[in-house]
C-alpha atoms as a PDB file:
ATOM      1  CA  MET A   1       8.798   7.290  21.617  1.00  0.00           C
ATOM      2  CA  PRO A   2      11.170   4.775  20.145  1.00  0.00           C
ATOM      3  CA  THR A   3      12.346   5.193  16.509  1.00  0.00           C
ATOM      4  CA  MET A   4      11.768   2.378  14.286  1.00  0.00           C
ATOM      5  CA  THR A   5      12.150   1.003  10.592  1.00  0.00           C
ATOM      6  CA  LEU A   6       9.073   0.105   8.507  1.00  0.00           C
ATOM      7  CA  ALA A   7      10.107  -3.533   9.148  1.00  0.00           C
ATOM      8  CA  GLN A   8      10.383  -3.068  12.999  1.00  0.00           C
ATOM      9  CA  ALA A   9       6.979  -1.081  13.032  1.00  0.00           C
ATOM     10  CA  LEU A  10       5.181  -4.119  11.256  1.00  0.00           C
ATOM     11  CA  ARG A  11       6.734  -6.437  13.530  1.00  0.00           C
ATOM     12  CA  ASN A  12       5.688  -4.689  16.481  1.00  0.00           C
ATOM     13  CA  ALA A  13       2.205  -4.286  15.138  1.00  0.00           C
ATOM     14  CA  LEU A  14       2.132  -8.109  14.551  1.00  0.00           C
ATOM     15  CA  ASP A  15       3.348  -8.830  17.924  1.00  0.00           C
ATOM     16  CA  ILE A  16       0.953  -6.709  19.684  1.00  0.00           C
ATOM     17  CA  ALA A  17      -2.099  -8.094  17.574  1.00  0.00           C
ATOM     18  CA  LEU A  18      -1.074 -11.526  18.558  1.00  0.00           C
ATOM     19  CA  GLU A  19      -0.689 -10.598  22.003  1.00  0.00           C
ATOM     20  CA  ARG A  20      -4.248  -8.884  22.409  1.00  0.00           C
ATOM     21  CA  ASP A  21      -6.586 -11.771  20.336  1.00  0.00           C
ATOM     22  CA  ASP A  22      -5.877 -15.467  20.524  1.00  0.00           C
ATOM     23  CA  ARG A  23      -7.699 -15.533  16.969  1.00  0.00           C
ATOM     24  CA  VAL A  24      -5.021 -13.836  15.491  1.00  0.00           C
ATOM     25  CA  MET A  25      -2.394 -16.212  13.613  1.00  0.00           C
ATOM     26  CA  ILE A  26       0.279 -15.812  10.991  1.00  0.00           C
ATOM     27  CA  PHE A  27       1.257 -18.208   8.157  1.00  0.00           C
ATOM     28  CA  GLY A  28       3.233 -18.203   4.979  1.00  0.00           C
ATOM     29  CA  GLU A  29       6.439 -19.321   3.149  1.00  0.00           C
ATOM     30  CA  ASP A  30       9.138 -18.942   5.628  1.00  0.00           C
ATOM     31  CA  VAL A  31       7.449 -16.869   8.355  1.00  0.00           C
ATOM     32  CA  GLY A  32       8.258 -19.277  11.104  1.00  0.00           C
ATOM     33  CA  LYS A  33      11.397 -20.038  12.389  1.00  0.00           C
ATOM     34  CA  ARG A  34      13.166 -17.954   9.658  1.00  0.00           C
ATOM     35  CA  GLY A  35      11.090 -14.593  10.208  1.00  0.00           C
ATOM     36  CA  GLY A  36      10.569 -14.220   6.663  1.00  0.00           C
ATOM     37  CA  VAL A  37      12.630 -13.357   4.027  1.00  0.00           C
ATOM     38  CA  PHE A  38      12.421  -9.679   5.181  1.00  0.00           C
ATOM     39  CA  THR A  39      12.579 -10.663   8.971  1.00  0.00           C
ATOM     40  CA  ILE A  40       9.186  -9.245   9.482  1.00  0.00           C
ATOM     41  CA  THR A  41       8.064 -12.015  11.614  1.00  0.00           C
ATOM     42  CA  GLU A  42      11.401 -12.564  13.520  1.00  0.00           C
ATOM     43  CA  GLY A  43      11.027 -14.217  16.574  1.00  0.00           C
ATOM     44  CA  LEU A  44       7.081 -14.134  16.672  1.00  0.00           C
ATOM     45  CA  GLN A  45       6.991 -17.994  16.488  1.00  0.00           C
ATOM     46  CA  GLU A  46       9.189 -18.668  19.279  1.00  0.00           C
ATOM     47  CA  LYS A  47       6.932 -16.328  21.578  1.00  0.00           C
ATOM     48  CA  TYR A  48       3.590 -17.368  20.358  1.00  0.00           C
ATOM     49  CA  GLY A  49       4.251 -21.122  19.300  1.00  0.00           C
ATOM     50  CA  GLU A  50       4.121 -23.121  16.089  1.00  0.00           C
ATOM     51  CA  MET A  51       0.053 -23.024  16.123  1.00  0.00           C
ATOM     52  CA  ARG A  52      -0.169 -19.457  15.867  1.00  0.00           C
ATOM     53  CA  VAL A  53       2.885 -18.386  13.548  1.00  0.00           C
ATOM     54  CA  PHE A  54       3.694 -21.179  11.119  1.00  0.00           C
ATOM     55  CA  ASP A  55       5.279 -22.201   7.788  1.00  0.00           C
ATOM     56  CA  THR A  56       3.346 -23.208   4.661  1.00  0.00           C
ATOM     57  CA  PRO A  57       4.238 -24.942   1.526  1.00  0.00           C
ATOM     58  CA  LEU A  58       5.242 -22.900  -1.579  1.00  0.00           C
ATOM     59  CA  ASP A  59       1.440 -22.791  -2.203  1.00  0.00           C
ATOM     60  CA  GLU A  60      -0.070 -19.350  -2.739  1.00  0.00           C
ATOM     61  CA  LEU A  61      -3.779 -21.066  -3.417  1.00  0.00           C
ATOM     62  CA  GLY A  62      -3.282 -22.839  -0.232  1.00  0.00           C
ATOM     63  CA  ILE A  63      -2.161 -19.894   1.653  1.00  0.00           C
ATOM     64  CA  LEU A  64      -5.315 -17.844   0.743  1.00  0.00           C
ATOM     65  CA  GLY A  65      -7.646 -20.775   0.750  1.00  0.00           C
ATOM     66  CA  MET A  66      -6.556 -21.496   4.271  1.00  0.00           C
ATOM     67  CA  GLY A  67      -7.022 -17.978   5.215  1.00  0.00           C
ATOM     68  CA  VAL A  68     -10.622 -17.472   3.766  1.00  0.00           C
ATOM     69  CA  GLY A  69     -11.593 -20.544   5.655  1.00  0.00           C
ATOM     70  CA  LEU A  70      -9.878 -19.506   8.827  1.00  0.00           C
ATOM     71  CA  ALA A  71     -11.651 -16.157   8.487  1.00  0.00           C
ATOM     72  CA  ALA A  72     -15.152 -17.450   7.881  1.00  0.00           C
ATOM     73  CA  ALA A  73     -14.738 -19.785  10.517  1.00  0.00           C
ATOM     74  CA  GLY A  74     -13.884 -16.734  12.987  1.00  0.00           C
ATOM     75  CA  MET A  75     -10.108 -16.573  13.172  1.00  0.00           C
ATOM     76  CA  ARG A  76      -8.240 -13.429  12.393  1.00  0.00           C
ATOM     77  CA  PRO A  77      -5.494 -14.850   9.642  1.00  0.00           C
ATOM     78  CA  VAL A  78      -2.627 -12.877   8.566  1.00  0.00           C
ATOM     79  CA  ALA A  79      -1.307 -14.604   5.555  1.00  0.00           C
ATOM     80  CA  GLU A  80       2.046 -13.398   3.967  1.00  0.00           C
ATOM     81  CA  ILE A  81       2.593 -13.850   0.302  1.00  0.00           C
ATOM     82  CA  GLN A  82       6.504 -13.611   0.099  1.00  0.00           C
ATOM     83  CA  PHE A  83       6.328 -11.493  -2.949  1.00  0.00           C
ATOM     84  CA  ILE A  84       3.012  -9.975  -4.345  1.00  0.00           C
ATOM     85  CA  ASP A  85       4.542 -11.227  -8.090  1.00  0.00           C
ATOM     86  CA  TYR A  86       4.015 -14.724  -7.022  1.00  0.00           C
ATOM     87  CA  ILE A  87       0.062 -14.370  -5.756  1.00  0.00           C
ATOM     88  CA  TRP A  88      -1.471 -15.304  -8.906  1.00  0.00           C
ATOM     89  CA  PRO A  89      -1.805 -19.106  -8.519  1.00  0.00           C
ATOM     90  CA  GLY A  90      -3.994 -17.974  -5.209  1.00  0.00           C
ATOM     91  CA  PHE A  91      -5.718 -15.049  -6.641  1.00  0.00           C
ATOM     92  CA  ASP A  92      -9.133 -16.770  -7.428  1.00  0.00           C
ATOM     93  CA  ALA A  93      -9.274 -17.250  -3.474  1.00  0.00           C
ATOM     94  CA  LEU A  94      -9.170 -13.880  -2.986  1.00  0.00           C
ATOM     95  CA  TYR A  95     -11.233 -12.506  -6.161  1.00  0.00           C
ATOM     96  CA  SER A  96     -14.069 -15.272  -5.882  1.00  0.00           C
ATOM     97  CA  GLU A  97     -14.257 -15.926  -2.268  1.00  0.00           C
ATOM     98  CA  ALA A  98     -12.705 -13.606   0.083  1.00  0.00           C
ATOM     99  CA  ALA A  99     -13.978 -10.461  -1.654  1.00  0.00           C
ATOM    100  CA  LYS A 100     -17.540 -11.838  -2.543  1.00  0.00           C
ATOM    101  CA  LEU A 101     -18.346 -14.157   0.565  1.00  0.00           C
ATOM    102  CA  ARG A 102     -19.553 -11.282   2.761  1.00  0.00           C
ATOM    103  CA  PHE A 103     -22.146 -10.137  -0.077  1.00  0.00           C
ATOM    104  CA  ARG A 104     -22.767 -13.845  -1.160  1.00  0.00           C
ATOM    105  CA  SER A 105     -24.093 -14.684   2.156  1.00  0.00           C
ATOM    106  CA  GLY A 106     -25.988 -11.709   2.945  1.00  0.00           C
ATOM    107  CA  GLY A 107     -23.592 -10.756   5.780  1.00  0.00           C
ATOM    108  CA  ARG A 108     -23.912 -13.943   7.687  1.00  0.00           C
ATOM    109  CA  PHE A 109     -20.064 -14.601   7.040  1.00  0.00           C
ATOM    110  CA  ALA A 110     -17.386 -12.133   7.101  1.00  0.00           C
ATOM    111  CA  VAL A 111     -13.632 -12.640   6.102  1.00  0.00           C
ATOM    112  CA  PRO A 112     -11.284 -10.643   8.371  1.00  0.00           C
ATOM    113  CA  LEU A 113      -8.371 -11.689   6.630  1.00  0.00           C
ATOM    114  CA  VAL A 114      -5.214  -9.539   5.975  1.00  0.00           C
ATOM    115  CA  VAL A 115      -2.715 -10.390   3.089  1.00  0.00           C
ATOM    116  CA  ARG A 116       0.389  -8.861   3.708  1.00  0.00           C
ATOM    117  CA  SER A 117       3.088  -8.723   0.850  1.00  0.00           C
ATOM    118  CA  PRO A 118       6.007  -6.832  -0.408  1.00  0.00           C
ATOM    119  CA  TYR A 119       5.867  -4.932  -3.925  1.00  0.00           C
ATOM    120  CA  GLY A 120       7.726  -2.388  -5.692  1.00  0.00           C
ATOM    121  CA  GLY A 121      11.135  -2.022  -7.526  1.00  0.00           C
ATOM    122  CA  ARG A 122      14.380   0.033  -7.420  1.00  0.00           C
ATOM    123  CA  VAL A 123      15.830  -3.101  -5.423  1.00  0.00           C
ATOM    124  CA  LYS A 124      17.660  -4.893  -8.413  1.00  0.00           C
ATOM    125  CA  GLY A 125      14.932  -7.591  -8.169  1.00  0.00           C
ATOM    126  CA  GLY A 126      14.451  -8.163 -11.781  1.00  0.00           C
ATOM    127  CA  LEU A 127      11.240  -8.939 -13.667  1.00  0.00           C
ATOM    128  CA  TYR A 128       9.396 -11.201 -10.929  1.00  0.00           C
ATOM    129  CA  HIS A 129      10.350  -9.280  -7.784  1.00  0.00           C
ATOM    130  CA  SER A 130       9.461  -5.827  -8.811  1.00  0.00           C
ATOM    131  CA  GLN A 131       5.972  -5.478  -9.684  1.00  0.00           C
ATOM    132  CA  SER A 132       3.150  -3.055  -8.428  1.00  0.00           C
ATOM    133  CA  PRO A 133      -0.111  -4.709  -9.135  1.00  0.00           C
ATOM    134  CA  GLU A 134      -1.926  -2.801  -6.756  1.00  0.00           C
ATOM    135  CA  THR A 135      -5.008  -1.750  -9.139  1.00  0.00           C
ATOM    136  CA  LEU A 136      -5.727  -5.400  -9.865  1.00  0.00           C
ATOM    137  CA  PHE A 137      -6.515  -5.536  -5.993  1.00  0.00           C
ATOM    138  CA  VAL A 138      -8.429  -2.205  -6.237  1.00  0.00           C
ATOM    139  CA  HIS A 139     -10.685  -3.596  -9.165  1.00  0.00           C
ATOM    140  CA  THR A 140     -11.604  -6.563  -7.025  1.00  0.00           C
ATOM    141  CA  ALA A 141     -14.840  -5.317  -5.456  1.00  0.00           C
ATOM    142  CA  GLY A 142     -15.126  -6.411  -1.894  1.00  0.00           C
ATOM    143  CA  LEU A 143     -11.095  -6.229  -1.070  1.00  0.00           C
ATOM    144  CA  LYS A 144      -9.793  -3.130   0.748  1.00  0.00           C
ATOM    145  CA  VAL A 145      -6.234  -1.942  -0.142  1.00  0.00           C
ATOM    146  CA  VAL A 146      -3.573  -0.247   1.893  1.00  0.00           C
ATOM    147  CA  ILE A 147       0.057   0.821   1.015  1.00  0.00           C
ATOM    148  CA  PRO A 148       1.682   2.523   4.110  1.00  0.00           C
ATOM    149  CA  SER A 149       4.651   5.035   3.362  1.00  0.00           C
ATOM    150  CA  ASN A 150       6.095   5.356   6.654  1.00  0.00           C
ATOM    151  CA  PRO A 151       6.573   3.195  10.013  1.00  0.00           C
ATOM    152  CA  TYR A 152       4.023   5.293  12.253  1.00  0.00           C
ATOM    153  CA  ASP A 153       1.353   4.608   9.429  1.00  0.00           C
ATOM    154  CA  ALA A 154       2.460   1.228   8.792  1.00  0.00           C
ATOM    155  CA  LYS A 155       1.648  -0.016  12.426  1.00  0.00           C
ATOM    156  CA  GLY A 156      -1.577   1.942  12.688  1.00  0.00           C
ATOM    157  CA  LEU A 157      -2.708   0.602   9.494  1.00  0.00           C
ATOM    158  CA  LEU A 158      -1.720  -3.009   9.960  1.00  0.00           C
ATOM    159  CA  LEU A 159      -3.632  -2.977  13.355  1.00  0.00           C
ATOM    160  CA  ALA A 160      -6.768  -1.520  11.913  1.00  0.00           C
ATOM    161  CA  ALA A 161      -6.497  -3.796   9.167  1.00  0.00           C
ATOM    162  CA  ILE A 162      -6.186  -6.727  11.417  1.00  0.00           C
ATOM    163  CA  ALA A 163      -9.299  -5.533  13.475  1.00  0.00           C
ATOM    164  CA  ASP A 164     -11.202  -5.008  10.143  1.00  0.00           C
ATOM    165  CA  ASP A 165     -13.955  -7.365   9.402  1.00  0.00           C
ATOM    166  CA  ASN A 166     -13.365  -7.084   5.723  1.00  0.00           C
ATOM    167  CA  PRO A 167     -10.330  -8.591   3.684  1.00  0.00           C
ATOM    168  CA  VAL A 168      -7.456  -6.225   3.470  1.00  0.00           C
ATOM    169  CA  VAL A 169      -4.567  -6.626   0.898  1.00  0.00           C
ATOM    170  CA  PHE A 170      -1.787  -4.702   2.932  1.00  0.00           C
ATOM    171  CA  LEU A 171       1.193  -4.124   0.379  1.00  0.00           C
ATOM    172  CA  GLU A 172       4.525  -3.061   1.883  1.00  0.00           C
ATOM    173  CA  HIS A 173       7.280  -1.395  -0.348  1.00  0.00           C
ATOM    174  CA  LYS A 174      10.179  -3.817   0.023  1.00  0.00           C
ATOM    175  CA  ARG A 175      12.678  -1.110  -0.355  1.00  0.00           C
ATOM    176  CA  MET A 176      11.391   0.878   2.477  1.00  0.00           C
ATOM    177  CA  TYR A 177      11.338  -1.652   4.960  1.00  0.00           C
ATOM    178  CA  PHE A 178      15.122  -0.750   6.542  1.00  0.00           C
ATOM    179  CA  MET A 179      15.268   2.628   4.874  1.00  0.00           C
ATOM    180  CA  SER A 180      12.203   4.204   6.271  1.00  0.00           C
ATOM    181  CA  LYS A 181      12.836   5.262   9.790  1.00  0.00           C
ATOM    182  CA  GLY A 182      10.530   7.509  12.147  1.00  0.00           C
ATOM    183  CA  GLU A 183       9.127   7.510  15.913  1.00  0.00           C
ATOM    184  CA  VAL A 184       6.409   5.105  16.513  1.00  0.00           C
ATOM    185  CA  PRO A 185       4.365   4.798  19.756  1.00  0.00           C
ATOM    186  CA  GLU A 186       4.900   1.468  21.502  1.00  0.00           C
ATOM    187  CA  GLY A 187       1.427   0.573  22.287  1.00  0.00           C
ATOM    188  CA  TYR A 188      -1.798  -0.170  20.390  1.00  0.00           C
ATOM    189  CA  TYR A 189      -3.194   2.418  18.085  1.00  0.00           C
ATOM    190  CA  GLU A 190      -5.010   2.318  14.653  1.00  0.00           C
ATOM    191  CA  GLU A 191      -5.046   4.765  11.549  1.00  0.00           C
ATOM    192  CA  PRO A 192      -7.984   4.870   9.728  1.00  0.00           C
ATOM    193  CA  ILE A 193      -8.467   2.923   6.568  1.00  0.00           C
ATOM    194  CA  GLY A 194      -9.625   5.326   3.842  1.00  0.00           C
ATOM    195  CA  LYS A 195      -8.176   8.568   5.196  1.00  0.00           C
ATOM    196  CA  ALA A 196      -5.476  10.398   3.305  1.00  0.00           C
ATOM    197  CA  LYS A 197      -2.870  12.663   4.994  1.00  0.00           C
ATOM    198  CA  VAL A 198      -1.464  15.863   4.020  1.00  0.00           C
ATOM    199  CA  VAL A 199       2.255  15.113   4.296  1.00  0.00           C
ATOM    200  CA  ARG A 200       3.011  18.730   2.775  1.00  0.00           C
ATOM    201  CA  GLU A 201       1.042  21.890   2.675  1.00  0.00           C
ATOM    202  CA  GLY A 202       1.234  23.790  -0.478  1.00  0.00           C
ATOM    203  CA  SER A 203      -0.629  26.129  -3.006  1.00  0.00           C
ATOM    204  CA  ASP A 204       0.235  25.743  -6.279  1.00  0.00           C
ATOM    205  CA  VAL A 205      -0.225  22.377  -7.426  1.00  0.00           C
ATOM    206  CA  THR A 206      -1.439  18.817  -5.673  1.00  0.00           C
ATOM    207  CA  LEU A 207       0.501  15.972  -5.822  1.00  0.00           C
ATOM    208  CA  ILE A 208      -1.277  12.405  -4.947  1.00  0.00           C
ATOM    209  CA  ALA A 209       1.190   9.416  -4.134  1.00  0.00           C
ATOM    210  CA  TYR A 210       1.293   6.483  -2.095  1.00  0.00           C
ATOM    211  CA  GLY A 211       4.190   4.096  -0.829  1.00  0.00           C
ATOM    212  CA  MET A 212       7.688   5.028  -1.607  1.00  0.00           C
ATOM    213  CA  MET A 213       6.437   7.545  -4.338  1.00  0.00           C
ATOM    214  CA  VAL A 214       5.537   9.720  -1.404  1.00  0.00           C
ATOM    215  CA  LEU A 215       9.169   9.964  -0.599  1.00  0.00           C
ATOM    216  CA  ASP A 216       9.967  11.049  -4.208  1.00  0.00           C
ATOM    217  CA  SER A 217       7.270  13.410  -4.015  1.00  0.00           C
ATOM    218  CA  LEU A 218       8.401  15.088  -1.167  1.00  0.00           C
ATOM    219  CA  GLU A 219      11.754  15.505  -2.628  1.00  0.00           C
ATOM    220  CA  ALA A 220      10.576  17.053  -5.752  1.00  0.00           C
ATOM    221  CA  ALA A 221       8.480  19.361  -3.750  1.00  0.00           C
ATOM    222  CA  LYS A 222      11.651  20.631  -2.045  1.00  0.00           C
ATOM    223  CA  THR A 223      13.123  21.119  -5.447  1.00  0.00           C
ATOM    224  CA  LEU A 224      10.044  22.876  -6.627  1.00  0.00           C
ATOM    225  CA  GLU A 225      10.061  25.106  -3.498  1.00  0.00           C
ATOM    226  CA  LYS A 226      13.723  26.475  -4.561  1.00  0.00           C
ATOM    227  CA  GLU A 227      11.947  27.848  -8.034  1.00  0.00           C
ATOM    228  CA  GLY A 228       8.976  29.498  -6.073  1.00  0.00           C
ATOM    229  CA  ILE A 229       6.470  26.601  -6.569  1.00  0.00           C
ATOM    230  CA  SER A 230       4.551  25.403  -3.543  1.00  0.00           C
ATOM    231  CA  VAL A 231       3.501  21.685  -3.767  1.00  0.00           C
ATOM    232  CA  GLU A 232       0.838  20.282  -1.577  1.00  0.00           C
ATOM    233  CA  VAL A 233       1.684  16.300  -1.062  1.00  0.00           C
ATOM    234  CA  ILE A 234      -0.864  14.106  -0.266  1.00  0.00           C
ATOM    235  CA  ASP A 235      -0.390  10.378   0.779  1.00  0.00           C
ATOM    236  CA  LEU A 236      -3.415   8.145   0.086  1.00  0.00           C
ATOM    237  CA  ARG A 237      -2.357   5.448   2.422  1.00  0.00           C
ATOM    238  CA  SER A 238      -5.650   3.648   1.470  1.00  0.00           C
ATOM    239  CA  LEU A 239      -6.593   2.985  -2.189  1.00  0.00           C
ATOM    240  CA  MET A 240      -9.596   1.162  -1.851  1.00  0.00           C
ATOM    241  CA  PRO A 241     -11.401   2.889  -0.146  1.00  0.00           C
ATOM    242  CA  PHE A 242      -9.834   6.171  -1.297  1.00  0.00           C
ATOM    243  CA  ASP A 243     -10.373   9.850   0.427  1.00  0.00           C
ATOM    244  CA  GLY A 244     -11.837  11.595  -2.188  1.00  0.00           C
ATOM    245  CA  GLU A 245     -12.848  14.290  -0.031  1.00  0.00           C
ATOM    246  CA  ALA A 246      -9.055  14.994   0.830  1.00  0.00           C
ATOM    247  CA  ILE A 247      -8.283  14.985  -3.007  1.00  0.00           C
ATOM    248  CA  LEU A 248     -11.000  17.392  -3.941  1.00  0.00           C
ATOM    249  CA  ASN A 249     -10.298  19.995  -1.092  1.00  0.00           C
ATOM    250  CA  SER A 250      -6.655  19.924  -2.408  1.00  0.00           C
ATOM    251  CA  VAL A 251      -7.515  20.581  -6.042  1.00  0.00           C
ATOM    252  CA  ALA A 252     -10.089  23.192  -5.044  1.00  0.00           C
ATOM    253  CA  LYS A 253      -7.330  25.138  -3.465  1.00  0.00           C
ATOM    254  CA  THR A 254      -4.283  24.425  -5.903  1.00  0.00           C
ATOM    255  CA  GLY A 255      -6.213  24.182  -9.096  1.00  0.00           C
ATOM    256  CA  HIS A 256      -3.487  21.916 -10.440  1.00  0.00           C
ATOM    257  CA  LEU A 257      -3.189  17.955 -10.033  1.00  0.00           C
ATOM    258  CA  VAL A 258      -0.275  15.676 -10.586  1.00  0.00           C
ATOM    259  CA  THR A 259      -0.403  11.806  -9.550  1.00  0.00           C
ATOM    260  CA  VAL A 260       2.508   9.508  -9.166  1.00  0.00           C
ATOM    261  CA  HIS A 261       2.924   5.754  -8.846  1.00  0.00           C
ATOM    262  CA  GLU A 262       5.385   3.282 -10.134  1.00  0.00           C
ATOM    263  CA  ALA A 263       2.918   0.586 -11.608  1.00  0.00           C
ATOM    264  CA  PRO A 264       2.419   0.912 -15.358  1.00  0.00           C
ATOM    265  CA  ARG A 265       0.630   4.007 -16.761  1.00  0.00           C
ATOM    266  CA  THR A 266      -2.602   2.410 -18.419  1.00  0.00           C
ATOM    267  CA  LEU A 267      -5.456   1.900 -15.927  1.00  0.00           C
ATOM    268  CA  GLY A 268      -2.704   2.615 -13.097  1.00  0.00           C
ATOM    269  CA  PHE A 269      -4.521   4.174 -10.082  1.00  0.00           C
ATOM    270  CA  ALA A 270      -3.317   7.466 -11.279  1.00  0.00           C
ATOM    271  CA  ALA A 271      -6.101   7.098 -13.921  1.00  0.00           C
ATOM    272  CA  GLU A 272      -8.996   6.366 -11.356  1.00  0.00           C
ATOM    273  CA  VAL A 273      -7.797   9.718  -9.380  1.00  0.00           C
ATOM    274  CA  ALA A 274      -8.048  11.908 -12.736  1.00  0.00           C
ATOM    275  CA  ALA A 275     -11.129  10.578 -13.772  1.00  0.00           C
ATOM    276  CA  PHE A 276     -12.325  11.123  -9.996  1.00  0.00           C
ATOM    277  CA  VAL A 277     -11.582  14.544 -10.234  1.00  0.00           C
ATOM    278  CA  ALA A 278     -12.574  15.252 -13.832  1.00  0.00           C
ATOM    279  CA  GLU A 279     -15.942  14.138 -13.028  1.00  0.00           C
ATOM    280  CA  ARG A 280     -16.414  16.115  -9.756  1.00  0.00           C
ATOM    281  CA  ALA A 281     -14.185  19.225  -9.694  1.00  0.00           C
ATOM    282  CA  ILE A 282     -13.365  20.044 -13.704  1.00  0.00           C
ATOM    283  CA  GLU A 283     -14.237  23.475 -13.085  1.00  0.00           C
ATOM    284  CA  TYR A 284     -11.323  23.897 -10.282  1.00  0.00           C
ATOM    285  CA  LEU A 285      -8.594  23.047 -12.719  1.00  0.00           C
ATOM    286  CA  ASP A 286      -6.526  25.400 -14.408  1.00  0.00           C
ATOM    287  CA  GLY A 287      -4.274  22.968 -16.279  1.00  0.00           C
ATOM    288  CA  PRO A 288      -4.123  19.537 -17.596  1.00  0.00           C
ATOM    289  CA  ILE A 289      -4.157  16.359 -15.102  1.00  0.00           C
ATOM    290  CA  VAL A 290      -0.598  14.870 -15.441  1.00  0.00           C
ATOM    291  CA  ARG A 291       0.412  11.217 -14.661  1.00  0.00           C
ATOM    292  CA  VAL A 292       3.876  10.280 -13.423  1.00  0.00           C
ATOM    293  CA  THR A 293       4.126   6.555 -13.672  1.00  0.00           C
ATOM    294  CA  GLY A 294       5.694   3.520 -14.745  1.00  0.00           C
ATOM    295  CA  TRP A 295       5.763   2.651 -18.509  1.00  0.00           C
ATOM    296  CA  ASP A 296       3.508  -0.034 -20.274  1.00  0.00           C
ATOM    297  CA  MET A 297       6.222  -2.878 -20.249  1.00  0.00           C
ATOM    298  CA  PRO A 298       7.348  -5.646 -18.040  1.00  0.00           C
ATOM    299  CA  PHE A 299       9.616  -4.375 -15.220  1.00  0.00           C
ATOM    300  CA  PRO A 300      12.882  -4.266 -16.663  1.00  0.00           C
ATOM    301  CA  TYR A 301      16.232  -5.456 -14.880  1.00  0.00           C
ATOM    302  CA  ILE A 302      19.011  -3.384 -16.525  1.00  0.00           C
ATOM    303  CA  LEU A 303      16.850  -0.365 -17.226  1.00  0.00           C
ATOM    304  CA  GLU A 304      15.510  -0.257 -13.761  1.00  0.00           C
ATOM    305  CA  ASP A 305      16.266   3.452 -13.039  1.00  0.00           C
ATOM    306  CA  ALA A 306      14.817   4.268 -16.641  1.00  0.00           C
ATOM    307  CA  TYR A 307      11.505   2.541 -15.794  1.00  0.00           C
ATOM    308  CA  MET A 308      10.925   4.060 -12.132  1.00  0.00           C
ATOM    309  CA  PRO A 309       9.450   7.681 -11.400  1.00  0.00           C
ATOM    310  CA  ASN A 310      12.090   9.848  -9.723  1.00  0.00           C
ATOM    311  CA  PRO A 311      11.871  13.326  -8.386  1.00  0.00           C
ATOM    312  CA  VAL A 312      13.124  14.535 -11.795  1.00  0.00           C
ATOM    313  CA  ARG A 313      10.285  12.969 -13.535  1.00  0.00           C
ATOM    314  CA  ILE A 314       8.112  14.533 -10.977  1.00  0.00           C
ATOM    315  CA  VAL A 315       9.465  17.933 -11.041  1.00  0.00           C
ATOM    316  CA  ARG A 316       8.745  17.636 -14.707  1.00  0.00           C
ATOM    317  CA  GLY A 317       5.233  16.787 -14.415  1.00  0.00           C
ATOM    318  CA  VAL A 318       4.480  19.197 -12.090  1.00  0.00           C
ATOM    319  CA  LYS A 319       5.706  21.847 -14.661  1.00  0.00           C
ATOM    320  CA  LYS A 320       3.631  20.387 -17.232  1.00  0.00           C
ATOM    321  CA  ALA A 321       0.545  20.504 -15.053  1.00  0.00           C
ATOM    322  CA  LEU A 322       1.525  24.202 -14.472  1.00  0.00           C
ATOM    323  CA  ASN A 323       1.805  24.772 -17.975  1.00  0.00           C
ATOM    324  CA  LEU A 324       5.473  25.752 -17.641  1.00  0.00           C
ATOM    325  CA  LEU A 325       6.847  23.295 -20.071  1.00  0.00           C
END
């Protein structure tokens, strides 16, 4: 089984999808000859031609509007938004059309559109290249939202997203493109959307994360293990739908809950997880639900490290949940 970076795993998934299904097409800013700003689509235009992998103007509304139309007409488009920070001119195409068309048409039309885009900080990208707006998509009824944390899941989840008859927003943490490496099968496989994965077993506290925060959570868990604290780390992988059963099963076992994300704190996805557990499993909790998140402010440049959650902050959050602080 070959070892791939996250970027290579995504490219492999797109290559397989294009080869298997003539309805799959990829478009976005610089995705053709250049292969994308992060080289995810490198070589695909040369292999499959300009009708199936092609560049678009700098027009997010045009990209997403075309994606909705192609999907409704029976194609399986994969639209790349170069940075998620720039999706907003096209957000209405997602919010009002892609997310609503199947419901609005009584099921006569499907919108099998995948919108890929990098998100996240810790890359010195500054204000407009480091944001994590995932909850805005989660709050848009009709969209699925997927965020992988490793190459194996990235490939399987992307192939599942392309095969899905619903619109999927597929977010990729840009710092992980070349940092995250792992073994990835060469052939076709899917990882189920809506299923979390327990990436570390534990008994004292449940730690919920997704994307790059899974790596920070695992590092924090190793630190806490040296202090005799057993941490169970759950990688959500999918935020909409999310795996409530996995969360409840873990909290019932540990009695404590910490959630982690780098998006701003207020109305971040951690708040939804906290509310979900409070409504369904409050009797299992032996301490406060703790959120470790970004701050309620625009993403900074100079003070990026002060904004981002990190293993030190996660360790402190776990100790707060365990009433050790």
